[in-house]
């Protein structure tokens, strides 16, 4: 199978993985020395390999689960001889772990993403002092269940954390600007009367 660009080949494997019930990540790349053009690109299962060194409890705040299981599933894309396209050079389908079922496929990383509606919902609830976890639960009820969410509670928490980080140190200036806008709005209303 040929692809016009490397990104099309990667997207093809990511879509295949999502439909099959596993996540992927990009592994090593081999490039030409003189022009740094990519000759080979390896796309592998997210459970490929093993954790290199176990983390000690003192080094990190919490223990992280072992997710790497030595899975051999991979797709290798190779630059064609005419240097215009990429083709599937090798493909290994076998996994050393169970795949997700269609009912739980919405929990995989590649299936999750925060939409603009999710972001607006978190921001609006933040203004009403509703936290990310409660926002997630409320939205789950609005959309009819976890399978319709397309995001996780961690995605909501991370987005709210990023908003706070962006606002830190600017909140006083934002409050002043908000009052100036309201004052301008009131002046316009008084001029109309």
Protein backbone atom coordinates (compact mmCIF):
# COMPACT_ATOMS: atom_id res chain seq x y z
CA UNK A 1 0.00 0.00 0.00
CA UNK A 2 1.39 3.44 -0.96
CA UNK A 3 0.86 6.83 0.65
CA UNK A 4 1.61 10.27 -0.81
CA UNK A 5 3.08 11.51 2.46
CA UNK A 6 4.51 9.99 5.62
CA UNK A 7 1.74 11.59 7.68
CA UNK A 8 -0.92 9.79 5.61
CA UNK A 9 0.72 6.45 6.42
CA UNK A 10 0.90 7.28 10.12
CA UNK A 11 -2.75 8.39 10.13
CA UNK A 12 -3.73 5.15 8.38
CA UNK A 13 -2.10 3.05 11.13
CA UNK A 14 -3.61 5.22 13.89
CA UNK A 15 -7.10 4.73 12.41
CA UNK A 16 -6.48 1.00 12.08
CA UNK A 17 -5.35 0.88 15.72
CA UNK A 18 -8.39 2.81 16.93
CA UNK A 19 -10.75 0.44 15.11
CA UNK A 20 -8.80 -2.63 16.28
CA UNK A 21 -8.69 -1.59 19.94
CA UNK A 22 -5.16 -0.42 20.75
CA UNK A 23 -3.13 2.78 20.94
CA UNK A 24 0.00 3.58 18.97
CA UNK A 25 3.03 5.79 19.27
CA UNK A 26 5.82 6.70 16.91
CA UNK A 27 9.07 4.88 17.44
CA UNK A 28 12.49 5.34 15.85
CA UNK A 29 13.23 6.93 12.50
CA UNK A 30 16.02 6.33 10.02
CA UNK A 31 17.11 9.32 7.94
CA UNK A 32 19.49 9.84 5.05
CA UNK A 33 22.73 11.50 6.07
CA UNK A 34 23.04 14.12 3.34
CA UNK A 35 19.52 15.60 3.25
CA UNK A 36 17.94 14.20 6.47
CA UNK A 37 14.95 12.84 4.51
CA UNK A 38 13.13 10.08 6.42
CA UNK A 39 13.85 6.65 4.91
CA UNK A 40 12.08 4.45 7.50
CA UNK A 41 9.48 5.28 10.13
CA UNK A 42 8.31 2.78 12.73
CA UNK A 43 4.79 3.04 14.17
CA UNK A 44 4.35 0.67 17.14
CA UNK A 45 1.77 -0.40 19.68
CA UNK A 46 1.77 1.77 22.80
CA UNK A 47 2.58 -1.37 24.85
CA UNK A 48 5.76 -2.03 22.82
CA UNK A 49 8.99 -2.67 24.72
CA UNK A 50 9.53 -2.61 28.47
CA UNK A 51 10.15 0.17 30.98
CA UNK A 52 13.90 0.76 31.04
CA UNK A 53 14.43 1.44 34.73
CA UNK A 54 11.82 1.03 37.44
CA UNK A 55 11.07 4.28 39.20
CA UNK A 56 11.65 4.33 42.91
CA UNK A 57 8.84 5.57 45.11
CA UNK A 58 11.00 8.42 46.46
CA UNK A 59 11.61 9.81 42.94
CA UNK A 60 7.97 10.25 41.97
CA UNK A 61 4.87 11.32 43.83
CA UNK A 62 2.86 8.22 42.94
CA UNK A 63 3.57 4.80 41.52
CA UNK A 64 2.89 4.56 37.84
CA UNK A 65 1.37 1.40 36.45
CA UNK A 66 3.46 -0.73 34.14
CA UNK A 67 1.93 -0.33 30.70
CA UNK A 68 4.72 -1.67 28.50
CA UNK A 69 4.34 -5.40 27.83
CA UNK A 70 6.82 -6.16 25.06
CA UNK A 71 4.20 -6.04 22.30
CA UNK A 72 5.65 -6.66 18.83
CA UNK A 73 2.81 -5.12 16.76
CA UNK A 74 4.21 -2.52 14.36
CA UNK A 75 3.99 -0.93 10.96
CA UNK A 76 7.12 0.16 9.08
CA UNK A 77 6.84 2.83 6.40
CA UNK A 78 9.63 3.10 3.83
CA UNK A 79 10.45 5.79 1.30
CA UNK A 80 9.99 4.44 -2.24
CA UNK A 81 12.79 4.35 -4.81
CA UNK A 82 11.27 7.26 -6.75
CA UNK A 83 11.49 9.32 -3.49
CA UNK A 84 7.92 10.59 -3.78
CA UNK A 85 5.81 8.14 -1.78
CA UNK A 86 5.94 5.96 1.27
CA UNK A 87 4.88 2.34 1.27
CA UNK A 88 4.20 -0.24 3.94
CA UNK A 89 7.51 -2.08 4.21
CA UNK A 90 6.56 -4.45 7.01
CA UNK A 91 3.54 -5.13 9.20
CA UNK A 92 3.29 -7.29 12.30
CA UNK A 93 -0.24 -7.78 13.58
CA UNK A 94 0.18 -9.95 16.71
CA UNK A 95 -0.21 -8.43 20.15
CA UNK A 96 0.98 -9.78 23.51
CA UNK A 97 -1.94 -8.21 25.39
CA UNK A 98 -5.71 -8.06 25.22
CA UNK A 99 -7.24 -5.45 22.92
CA UNK A 100 -10.01 -3.13 24.05
CA UNK A 101 -13.57 -4.09 23.28
CA UNK A 102 -15.80 -1.84 21.16
CA UNK A 103 -17.66 -0.85 24.34
CA UNK A 104 -14.48 0.42 26.01
CA UNK A 105 -12.67 1.72 22.90
CA UNK A 106 -13.63 5.29 23.83
CA UNK A 107 -11.13 5.09 26.72
CA UNK A 108 -8.04 4.76 24.50
CA UNK A 109 -5.82 7.84 24.21
CA UNK A 110 -6.32 8.23 20.47
CA UNK A 111 -10.10 8.17 20.83
CA UNK A 112 -10.08 10.92 23.45
CA UNK A 113 -9.94 14.63 22.71
CA UNK A 114 -11.41 17.77 24.20
CA UNK A 115 -13.75 19.47 21.78
CA UNK A 116 -14.53 23.17 21.80
CA UNK A 117 -17.84 22.36 23.52
CA UNK A 118 -15.98 20.50 26.31
CA UNK A 119 -13.61 23.43 26.81
CA UNK A 120 -16.42 25.98 26.93
CA UNK A 121 -18.33 23.80 29.40
CA UNK A 122 -15.32 23.54 31.73
CA UNK A 123 -14.70 27.29 31.52
CA UNK A 124 -18.35 28.16 32.21
CA UNK A 125 -18.48 25.78 35.17
CA UNK A 126 -15.18 27.21 36.47
CA UNK A 127 -16.79 30.62 36.65
CA UNK A 128 -19.54 29.07 38.81
CA UNK A 129 -16.92 27.43 41.08
CA UNK A 130 -17.70 23.95 39.77
CA UNK A 131 -14.58 21.79 39.58
CA UNK A 132 -13.41 19.64 36.69
CA UNK A 133 -14.60 16.33 38.16
CA UNK A 134 -18.10 17.59 38.83
CA UNK A 135 -18.16 19.21 35.36
CA UNK A 136 -17.25 15.85 33.86
CA UNK A 137 -20.03 14.07 35.73
CA UNK A 138 -22.59 16.72 34.75
CA UNK A 139 -21.61 16.55 31.10
CA UNK A 140 -21.75 12.75 31.20
CA UNK A 141 -25.39 13.02 32.26
CA UNK A 142 -26.12 15.56 29.50
CA UNK A 143 -24.67 13.39 26.71
CA UNK A 144 -26.06 10.09 27.96
CA UNK A 145 -23.06 8.21 29.35
CA UNK A 146 -19.32 7.76 29.36
CA UNK A 147 -19.29 6.18 25.89
CA UNK A 148 -20.50 9.50 24.40
CA UNK A 149 -17.96 11.71 26.20
CA UNK A 150 -14.90 11.40 23.90
CA UNK A 151 -12.79 12.75 26.79
CA UNK A 152 -11.76 11.62 30.25
CA UNK A 153 -11.97 13.28 33.63
CA UNK A 154 -8.17 13.67 33.46
CA UNK A 155 -8.55 15.65 30.21
CA UNK A 156 -11.01 17.97 32.00
CA UNK A 157 -8.66 18.38 34.98
CA UNK A 158 -5.67 19.08 32.73
CA UNK A 159 -7.60 21.70 30.78
CA UNK A 160 -8.73 23.43 33.96
CA UNK A 161 -5.12 23.33 35.26
CA UNK A 162 -3.93 24.94 32.01
CA UNK A 163 -6.53 27.70 32.33
CA UNK A 164 -5.40 28.45 35.88
CA UNK A 165 -1.78 28.47 34.79
CA UNK A 166 -2.59 30.93 32.00
CA UNK A 167 -4.56 33.23 34.30
CA UNK A 168 -2.07 33.23 37.20
CA UNK A 169 -0.74 36.73 37.75
CA UNK A 170 -3.18 38.23 35.24
CA UNK A 171 -6.44 37.84 37.15
CA UNK A 172 -6.34 41.34 38.69
CA UNK A 173 -5.75 42.95 35.29
CA UNK A 174 -8.56 40.87 33.80
CA UNK A 175 -10.92 42.06 36.56
CA UNK A 176 -10.01 45.71 35.90
CA UNK A 177 -10.58 45.26 32.16
CA UNK A 178 -13.94 43.63 32.85
CA UNK A 179 -15.01 46.63 34.98
CA UNK A 180 -13.85 49.04 32.25
CA UNK A 181 -15.97 47.19 29.68
CA UNK A 182 -18.99 47.34 31.99
CA UNK A 183 -18.43 51.05 32.63
CA UNK A 184 -18.25 51.71 28.88
CA UNK A 185 -21.42 49.68 28.38
CA UNK A 186 -23.22 51.66 31.11
CA UNK A 187 -22.08 54.97 29.54
CA UNK A 188 -23.49 53.90 26.18
CA UNK A 189 -26.80 53.00 27.79
CA UNK A 190 -26.97 56.38 29.55
CA UNK A 191 -26.29 58.20 26.27
CA UNK A 192 -29.19 56.38 24.65
CA UNK A 193 -31.59 57.54 27.42
